[in-house]
C-alpha cells in the first residue's frame, strides 16, 4: 500500500496531461447512463476514493457506427484513496464530438470521506468532493463555408478554452446511498453565440441520485432500484432516470444487468401527418449488462430513443472497460457493490 500514492499521482497526472493537450460542445461532460456501469465518479466528485479499490474506467459511446463524424464520446477516469487516509484524488478526461462541434477537457478531483460509525464494520459515511478542470470548445466552419453565403460563418475553426468546477456530496448508510452535485458552477462563454452576439454562458446542472440495495437470503442476489434527477439551470430542462439493477455474486467476481428509463419533463411541439399539433418528451430506454472478473470490469450499454419523432431509429452503443488495483481489505458489513 505504500506504493499506491506515487503510482496514483503519476497516473492521474498522465491522464490529465494527455487529454488536456488536445482538450473539445458546450456543456462539459455529457450526462448519459455511464454511472450505472460502476462509474458514479463521472457524475459525483464526492465518489472519488469511496471504493475499497483504486478504479480505472474507460468508456466509449457512439451512434451510427457506420457513419463518419457520428456523435461519439470517450471518457477515461481514475480515482482512489491517498494511502490509508480519508482523503482521495481522482481525474477525468473526455472527448465529445457531434459533427462539426466538439469539446474535450480534463478535471482533477479532491474528495474527503467522514465516518460517523465507531468502526469501519458499519458503513455510515458522508463524503465531499471538488473537481476543477479545463474545457476546450471547437466549431469547425471550414467545411460549410461559401463566400457571400452567410456573413455569420467565418470559414475557420473557432475554439475557446474555459475553466470550471464541480462540487458534490454523498451520504452512504449500509445499503442506502444519496448523491448530489452541481456541475459547471462558473459561467463559461465558450463559442455558442446567437445572431445578436449573446453568449449562453450558464452551464450549471444540478444532479441528485438515490438508491437502495435489497438482498435475498443467500446474499448472492442483490436488487437495486434507484433514480437520478437532473436540472439544467439556463434552459430549465429537467429529466429523471428510473433504474433497476440486479447483481449476482460469483466465485470470480460479479455479474450485473438492468434497465434504465429516462423521461424529460419538458415537451416539444410538432405536426403529425394529419397536421395536428402534438407534444413529445425526450425518452430513452437503456438496457445494460456488466461483468467483474477478478480485477477487470466489462460492461455494455444500449440507449434507444423512444420518441414518436426521431432523426433515425439507431441507438447509442457504449462500452466500458475497467481495472481495479490497490484494493484494501473489505471494510464494511454491507453488500453495497458501489463500495466493495
Protein backbone atom coordinates (compact mmCIF):
# COMPACT_ATOMS: atom_id res chain seq x y z
CA UNK A 1 0.00 0.00 0.00
CA UNK A 2 2.93 2.38 0.43
CA UNK A 3 3.38 2.39 -3.35
CA UNK A 4 -0.20 3.41 -4.09
CA UNK A 5 0.15 7.12 -3.57
CA UNK A 6 3.04 7.85 -6.00
CA UNK A 7 1.65 5.43 -8.59
CA UNK A 8 -1.76 7.05 -8.38
CA UNK A 9 -0.37 10.59 -8.67
CA UNK A 10 1.71 9.64 -11.71
CA UNK A 11 -1.29 8.02 -13.44
CA UNK A 12 -3.54 10.99 -12.60
CA UNK A 13 -1.08 13.50 -13.99
CA UNK A 14 -0.52 11.37 -17.11
CA UNK A 15 -4.26 11.12 -17.87
CA UNK A 16 -4.80 14.85 -17.25
CA UNK A 17 -1.86 15.90 -19.40
CA UNK A 18 -2.58 13.71 -22.42
CA UNK A 19 -6.22 14.71 -22.79
CA UNK A 20 -5.73 18.36 -21.93
CA UNK A 21 -3.18 18.87 -24.69
CA UNK A 22 -5.97 18.15 -27.16
CA UNK A 23 -8.64 19.44 -24.98
CA UNK A 24 -13.21 19.77 -27.11
CA UNK A 25 -19.95 21.19 -27.23
CA UNK A 26 -20.61 23.39 -24.66
CA UNK A 27 -21.99 21.53 -21.67
CA UNK A 28 -18.90 19.91 -20.27
CA UNK A 29 -19.05 16.17 -19.72
CA UNK A 30 -22.44 14.95 -21.09
CA UNK A 31 -24.83 13.16 -18.73
CA UNK A 32 -25.63 9.70 -20.01
CA UNK A 33 -26.03 6.34 -18.25
CA UNK A 34 -22.31 5.78 -17.56
CA UNK A 35 -22.88 5.90 -13.81
CA UNK A 36 -24.87 2.65 -13.99
CA UNK A 37 -21.79 0.71 -15.12
CA UNK A 38 -19.87 1.11 -11.85
CA UNK A 39 -18.88 4.72 -12.56
CA UNK A 40 -20.66 7.10 -10.16
CA UNK A 41 -17.50 9.21 -10.07
CA UNK A 42 -18.23 10.61 -13.56
CA UNK A 43 -21.22 12.48 -12.13
CA UNK A 44 -20.30 12.94 -8.47
CA UNK A 45 -16.81 14.12 -7.45
CA UNK A 46 -17.58 13.02 -3.87
CA UNK A 47 -17.36 9.37 -5.03
CA UNK A 48 -13.64 9.64 -5.71
CA UNK A 49 -11.94 7.11 -3.44
CA UNK A 50 -15.20 5.83 -1.95
CA UNK A 51 -14.45 2.27 -3.01
CA UNK A 52 -12.08 -0.24 -1.41
CA UNK A 53 -10.03 -0.15 -4.63
CA UNK A 54 -8.46 2.40 -6.90
CA UNK A 55 -10.61 2.35 -10.05
CA UNK A 56 -9.64 2.97 -13.66
CA UNK A 57 -12.54 3.25 -16.12
CA UNK A 58 -12.65 3.84 -19.88
CA UNK A 59 -15.94 4.37 -21.75
CA UNK A 60 -16.64 4.73 -25.48
CA UNK A 61 -20.08 5.77 -26.76
CA UNK A 62 -21.15 6.15 -30.38
CA UNK A 63 -24.27 6.50 -32.52
CA UNK A 64 -24.47 5.49 -36.20
CA UNK A 65 -21.35 3.35 -36.03
CA UNK A 66 -21.12 3.15 -39.84
CA UNK A 67 -21.09 6.94 -40.35
CA UNK A 68 -18.18 9.38 -40.31
CA UNK A 69 -18.32 12.13 -37.66
CA UNK A 70 -21.23 10.42 -35.90
CA UNK A 71 -21.93 11.60 -32.32
CA UNK A 72 -19.36 9.97 -30.06
CA UNK A 73 -17.89 10.30 -26.58
CA UNK A 74 -14.85 8.82 -24.84
CA UNK A 75 -14.00 9.17 -21.16
CA UNK A 76 -11.07 7.99 -19.05
CA UNK A 77 -11.08 8.24 -15.27
CA UNK A 78 -9.08 7.10 -12.27
CA UNK A 79 -9.84 7.63 -8.58
CA UNK A 80 -8.63 6.22 -5.27
CA UNK A 81 -7.67 6.95 -1.65
CA UNK A 82 -4.40 8.63 -0.71
CA UNK A 83 -2.77 5.81 1.22
CA UNK A 84 -4.79 4.93 4.33
CA UNK A 85 -6.16 8.46 4.82
CA UNK A 86 -9.75 9.69 4.50
CA UNK A 87 -8.77 11.82 1.51
CA UNK A 88 -8.86 10.79 -2.14
CA UNK A 89 -7.82 12.02 -5.56
CA UNK A 90 -9.29 11.48 -8.99
CA UNK A 91 -9.02 12.66 -12.56
CA UNK A 92 -11.37 12.57 -15.57
CA UNK A 93 -10.55 13.23 -19.22
CA UNK A 94 -13.10 13.25 -22.04
CA UNK A 95 -13.59 13.93 -25.74
CA UNK A 96 -17.09 14.60 -27.09
CA UNK A 97 -17.86 15.17 -30.78
CA UNK A 98 -21.09 15.79 -32.70
CA UNK A 99 -20.44 16.62 -36.35
CA UNK A 100 -18.53 19.89 -36.62
CA UNK A 101 -18.99 20.78 -32.95
CA UNK A 102 -16.73 19.15 -30.38
CA UNK A 103 -15.34 19.57 -26.91
CA UNK A 104 -12.71 17.97 -24.75
CA UNK A 105 -11.44 18.53 -21.25
CA UNK A 106 -9.87 17.18 -18.11
CA UNK A 107 -10.66 17.51 -14.40
CA UNK A 108 -8.72 16.83 -11.22
CA UNK A 109 -10.71 15.95 -8.07
CA UNK A 110 -10.13 16.09 -4.35
CA UNK A 111 -12.57 14.25 -2.07
CA UNK A 112 -12.77 13.69 1.68
CA UNK A 113 -14.74 10.99 3.50
CA UNK A 114 -16.06 11.34 7.06
CA UNK A 115 -17.05 8.23 9.01
CA UNK A 116 -19.83 8.54 11.62
CA UNK A 117 -19.77 4.92 12.76
CA UNK A 118 -17.49 3.83 15.59
CA UNK A 119 -15.67 1.36 13.35
CA UNK A 120 -15.37 0.54 9.67
CA UNK A 121 -17.56 -2.51 10.18
CA UNK A 122 -20.68 -0.41 9.64
CA UNK A 123 -20.91 1.92 6.66
CA UNK A 124 -22.08 5.37 7.74
CA UNK A 125 -20.13 7.85 5.65
CA UNK A 126 -20.52 11.43 4.42
CA UNK A 127 -18.29 12.49 1.53
CA UNK A 128 -17.46 15.80 -0.14
CA UNK A 129 -15.73 16.31 -3.48
CA UNK A 130 -14.50 19.21 -5.60
CA UNK A 131 -13.38 18.93 -9.24
CA UNK A 132 -11.57 21.63 -11.20
CA UNK A 133 -10.66 21.47 -14.85
CA UNK A 134 -10.32 22.95 -18.30
CA UNK A 135 -12.74 22.51 -21.22
CA UNK A 136 -11.93 23.40 -24.81
CA UNK A 137 -14.78 24.01 -27.26
CA UNK A 138 -14.33 23.80 -31.04
CA UNK A 139 -16.54 24.59 -34.04
CA UNK A 140 -15.12 23.78 -37.46
CA UNK A 141 -16.83 26.06 -40.04
CA UNK A 142 -14.39 25.41 -42.88
CA UNK A 143 -16.38 22.56 -44.44
CA UNK A 144 -19.60 24.56 -44.93
CA UNK A 145 -18.21 27.99 -45.80
CA UNK A 146 -19.11 29.60 -49.13
CA UNK A 147 -18.08 33.19 -49.82
CA UNK A 148 -21.06 35.51 -49.58
CA UNK A 149 -23.39 32.73 -48.40
CA UNK A 150 -23.74 33.70 -44.74
CA UNK A 151 -21.81 36.53 -43.05
CA UNK A 152 -22.12 34.76 -39.68
CA UNK A 153 -19.99 31.85 -40.92
CA UNK A 154 -16.29 32.64 -40.59
CA UNK A 155 -14.93 29.70 -42.54
CA UNK A 156 -12.38 28.99 -39.82
CA UNK A 157 -12.17 26.64 -36.84
CA UNK A 158 -13.34 28.56 -33.80
CA UNK A 159 -12.11 27.49 -30.38
CA UNK A 160 -12.25 28.66 -26.79
CA UNK A 161 -10.88 27.25 -23.54
CA UNK A 162 -12.58 27.81 -20.17
CA UNK A 163 -12.04 26.83 -16.56
CA UNK A 164 -14.84 25.38 -14.45
CA UNK A 165 -15.51 23.49 -11.22
CA UNK A 166 -17.95 20.84 -9.95
CA UNK A 167 -18.93 20.28 -6.33
CA UNK A 168 -20.79 17.36 -4.79
CA UNK A 169 -21.52 15.32 -1.68
CA UNK A 170 -22.57 11.74 -0.97
CA UNK A 171 -24.11 10.01 2.02
CA UNK A 172 -23.97 6.23 2.35
CA UNK A 173 -25.51 4.22 5.15
CA UNK A 174 -25.26 0.43 4.86
CA UNK A 175 -27.15 -0.39 1.63
CA UNK A 176 -28.61 3.09 1.10
CA UNK A 177 -26.99 5.96 -0.78
CA UNK A 178 -27.73 9.52 -1.86
CA UNK A 179 -25.55 11.73 -4.07
CA UNK A 180 -25.85 15.34 -5.19
CA UNK A 181 -23.65 17.62 -7.26
CA UNK A 182 -23.58 20.97 -9.02
CA UNK A 183 -21.70 20.79 -12.31
CA UNK A 184 -20.19 23.79 -14.09
CA UNK A 185 -20.52 26.24 -11.21
CA UNK A 186 -18.83 29.06 -13.14
CA UNK A 187 -20.07 30.87 -16.24
CA UNK A 188 -18.28 29.97 -19.48
CA UNK A 189 -18.69 31.97 -22.70
CA UNK A 190 -17.44 29.19 -24.94
CA UNK A 191 -18.22 29.64 -28.65
CA UNK A 192 -22.02 29.40 -28.72
CA UNK A 193 -23.48 32.76 -29.74
CA UNK A 194 -26.85 33.64 -31.18
CA UNK A 195 -27.50 36.10 -34.01
CA UNK A 196 -27.40 39.06 -31.60
CA UNK A 197 -23.95 38.03 -30.40
CA UNK A 198 -25.22 36.95 -26.97
CA UNK A 199 -23.48 34.01 -25.35
CA UNK A 200 -25.27 31.25 -23.47
CA UNK A 201 -22.75 31.00 -20.67
CA UNK A 202 -24.72 29.41 -17.82
CA UNK A 203 -23.88 25.69 -17.94
CA UNK A 204 -24.89 24.84 -14.37
CA UNK A 205 -26.56 21.46 -13.94
CA UNK A 206 -27.96 20.09 -10.68
CA UNK A 207 -27.88 16.33 -10.13
CA UNK A 208 -29.35 14.11 -7.43
CA UNK A 209 -29.33 10.31 -7.15
CA UNK A 210 -30.60 7.90 -4.55
CA UNK A 211 -30.98 4.15 -4.31
CA UNK A 212 -31.21 1.14 -2.01
CA UNK A 213 -29.95 -2.42 -2.26
CA UNK A 214 -32.17 -5.39 -1.39
CA UNK A 215 -30.68 -8.88 -0.97
CA UNK A 216 -32.05 -12.41 -0.90
CA UNK A 217 -31.37 -14.79 1.98
CA UNK A 218 -28.17 -16.12 0.40
CA UNK A 219 -26.81 -12.60 -0.33
CA UNK A 220 -25.79 -13.88 -3.77
CA UNK A 221 -28.59 -11.98 -5.50
CA UNK A 222 -28.93 -8.24 -4.95
CA UNK A 223 -31.51 -5.84 -6.36
CA UNK A 224 -31.01 -2.10 -6.61
CA UNK A 225 -33.83 0.30 -7.53
CA UNK A 226 -32.57 3.86 -7.97
CA UNK A 227 -33.35 7.20 -9.57
CA UNK A 228 -31.37 10.16 -10.88
CA UNK A 229 -32.78 13.68 -11.20
CA UNK A 230 -31.15 16.37 -13.38
CA UNK A 231 -31.98 20.04 -13.94
CA UNK A 232 -30.20 22.50 -16.27
CA UNK A 233 -30.29 26.00 -14.87
CA UNK A 234 -30.15 28.09 -18.06
CA UNK A 235 -32.63 26.19 -20.24
CA UNK A 236 -34.81 24.92 -17.36
CA UNK A 237 -34.63 21.42 -18.81
CA UNK A 238 -35.41 18.69 -16.31
CA UNK A 239 -35.31 14.92 -16.66
CA UNK A 240 -35.33 11.86 -14.43
CA UNK A 241 -33.84 8.36 -14.75
CA UNK A 242 -35.71 5.44 -13.17
CA UNK A 243 -33.36 2.47 -12.85
CA UNK A 244 -33.45 -1.15 -11.74
CA UNK A 245 -30.26 -3.19 -11.44
CA UNK A 246 -29.65 -6.83 -10.48
CA UNK A 247 -26.32 -8.25 -9.22
CA UNK A 248 -25.22 -11.85 -8.86
CA UNK A 249 -22.05 -12.60 -6.86
CA UNK A 250 -19.84 -15.42 -8.14
CA UNK A 251 -16.56 -17.02 -7.14
CA UNK A 252 -14.67 -14.93 -9.71
CA UNK A 253 -16.45 -11.62 -9.14
CA UNK A 254 -19.86 -10.25 -10.03
CA UNK A 255 -22.37 -10.18 -12.90
CA UNK A 256 -24.98 -7.46 -13.24
CA UNK A 257 -27.67 -6.22 -15.59
CA UNK A 258 -30.56 -3.83 -15.56
CA UNK A 259 -32.79 -1.33 -17.27
CA UNK A 260 -32.96 2.47 -17.15
CA UNK A 261 -35.79 4.72 -18.35
CA UNK A 262 -35.13 8.43 -18.90
CA UNK A 263 -38.04 10.85 -19.25
CA UNK A 264 -37.91 14.61 -19.75
CA UNK A 265 -40.44 16.90 -18.07
CA UNK A 266 -40.18 19.36 -20.98
CA UNK A 267 -42.02 18.76 -24.25
CA UNK A 268 -41.51 19.92 -27.86
CA UNK A 269 -44.39 20.54 -30.27
CA UNK A 270 -44.56 19.02 -33.76
CA UNK A 271 -47.06 18.45 -36.60
CA UNK A 272 -48.13 14.90 -37.34
CA UNK A 273 -49.22 13.60 -40.74
CA UNK A 274 -52.74 14.88 -40.11
CA UNK A 275 -51.37 18.42 -39.45
CA UNK A 276 -52.29 18.11 -35.78
CA UNK A 277 -50.09 19.79 -33.20
CA UNK A 278 -48.65 17.17 -30.84
CA UNK A 279 -46.21 17.34 -27.96
CA UNK A 280 -43.49 14.82 -27.25
CA UNK A 281 -40.91 14.50 -24.48
CA UNK A 282 -37.42 13.08 -24.68
CA UNK A 283 -37.49 9.41 -23.70
CA UNK A 284 -34.65 6.90 -23.53
CA UNK A 285 -34.78 3.20 -22.73
CA UNK A 286 -31.37 1.82 -21.75
CA UNK A 287 -30.66 -1.86 -21.03
CA UNK A 288 -27.17 -2.67 -19.73
CA UNK A 289 -25.09 -5.67 -18.68
CA UNK A 290 -21.75 -5.97 -16.94
CA UNK A 291 -19.16 -8.40 -15.63
CA UNK A 292 -16.49 -8.02 -12.96
CA UNK A 293 -13.90 -10.75 -13.42
CA UNK A 294 -11.25 -10.66 -10.72
CA UNK A 295 -9.91 -7.11 -11.09
CA UNK A 296 -11.31 -6.41 -14.56
CA UNK A 297 -14.66 -4.82 -15.44
CA UNK A 298 -16.54 -5.10 -18.75
CA UNK A 299 -19.93 -3.51 -19.47
CA UNK A 300 -22.19 -2.76 -22.43
CA UNK A 301 -25.00 -0.19 -22.58
CA UNK A 302 -27.52 0.41 -25.37
CA UNK A 303 -29.72 3.53 -25.36
CA UNK A 304 -32.80 3.65 -27.59
CA UNK A 305 -34.74 6.88 -28.09
CA UNK A 306 -38.45 6.00 -28.00
CA UNK A 307 -39.97 9.33 -29.11
CA UNK A 308 -42.52 9.44 -31.91
CA UNK A 309 -40.34 11.80 -33.96
CA UNK A 310 -36.61 10.99 -34.20
CA UNK A 311 -33.91 11.61 -36.81
CA UNK A 312 -33.34 7.88 -37.21
CA UNK A 313 -34.03 4.58 -35.46
CA UNK A 314 -30.41 3.93 -34.49
CA UNK A 315 -29.42 3.71 -30.86
CA UNK A 316 -26.32 4.57 -28.86
CA UNK A 317 -23.79 1.84 -28.15
CA UNK A 318 -21.49 2.25 -25.18
CA UNK A 319 -18.70 0.02 -23.88
CA UNK A 320 -16.96 0.28 -20.52
CA UNK A 321 -13.61 -1.27 -19.64
CA UNK A 322 -12.22 -1.07 -16.13
CA UNK A 323 -9.48 -2.25 -13.83
CA UNK A 324 -9.27 -2.22 -10.02
CA UNK A 325 -5.96 -2.19 -8.17
CA UNK A 326 -4.54 -1.32 -4.77
CA UNK A 327 -7.55 -2.94 -3.11
CA UNK A 328 -7.79 -2.89 0.68
CA UNK A 329 -9.43 -5.47 2.86
CA UNK A 330 -13.20 -5.13 2.62
CA UNK A 331 -14.18 -2.80 5.40
CA UNK A 332 -17.97 -2.72 5.58
CA UNK A 333 -20.59 -5.24 6.66
CA UNK A 334 -22.93 -4.48 3.78
CA UNK A 335 -23.44 -5.80 0.25
CA UNK A 336 -23.09 -2.27 -1.30
CA UNK A 337 -21.40 -3.16 -4.65
CA UNK A 338 -20.67 0.51 -5.43
CA UNK A 339 -18.19 0.44 -2.48
CA UNK A 340 -16.91 -3.12 -2.44
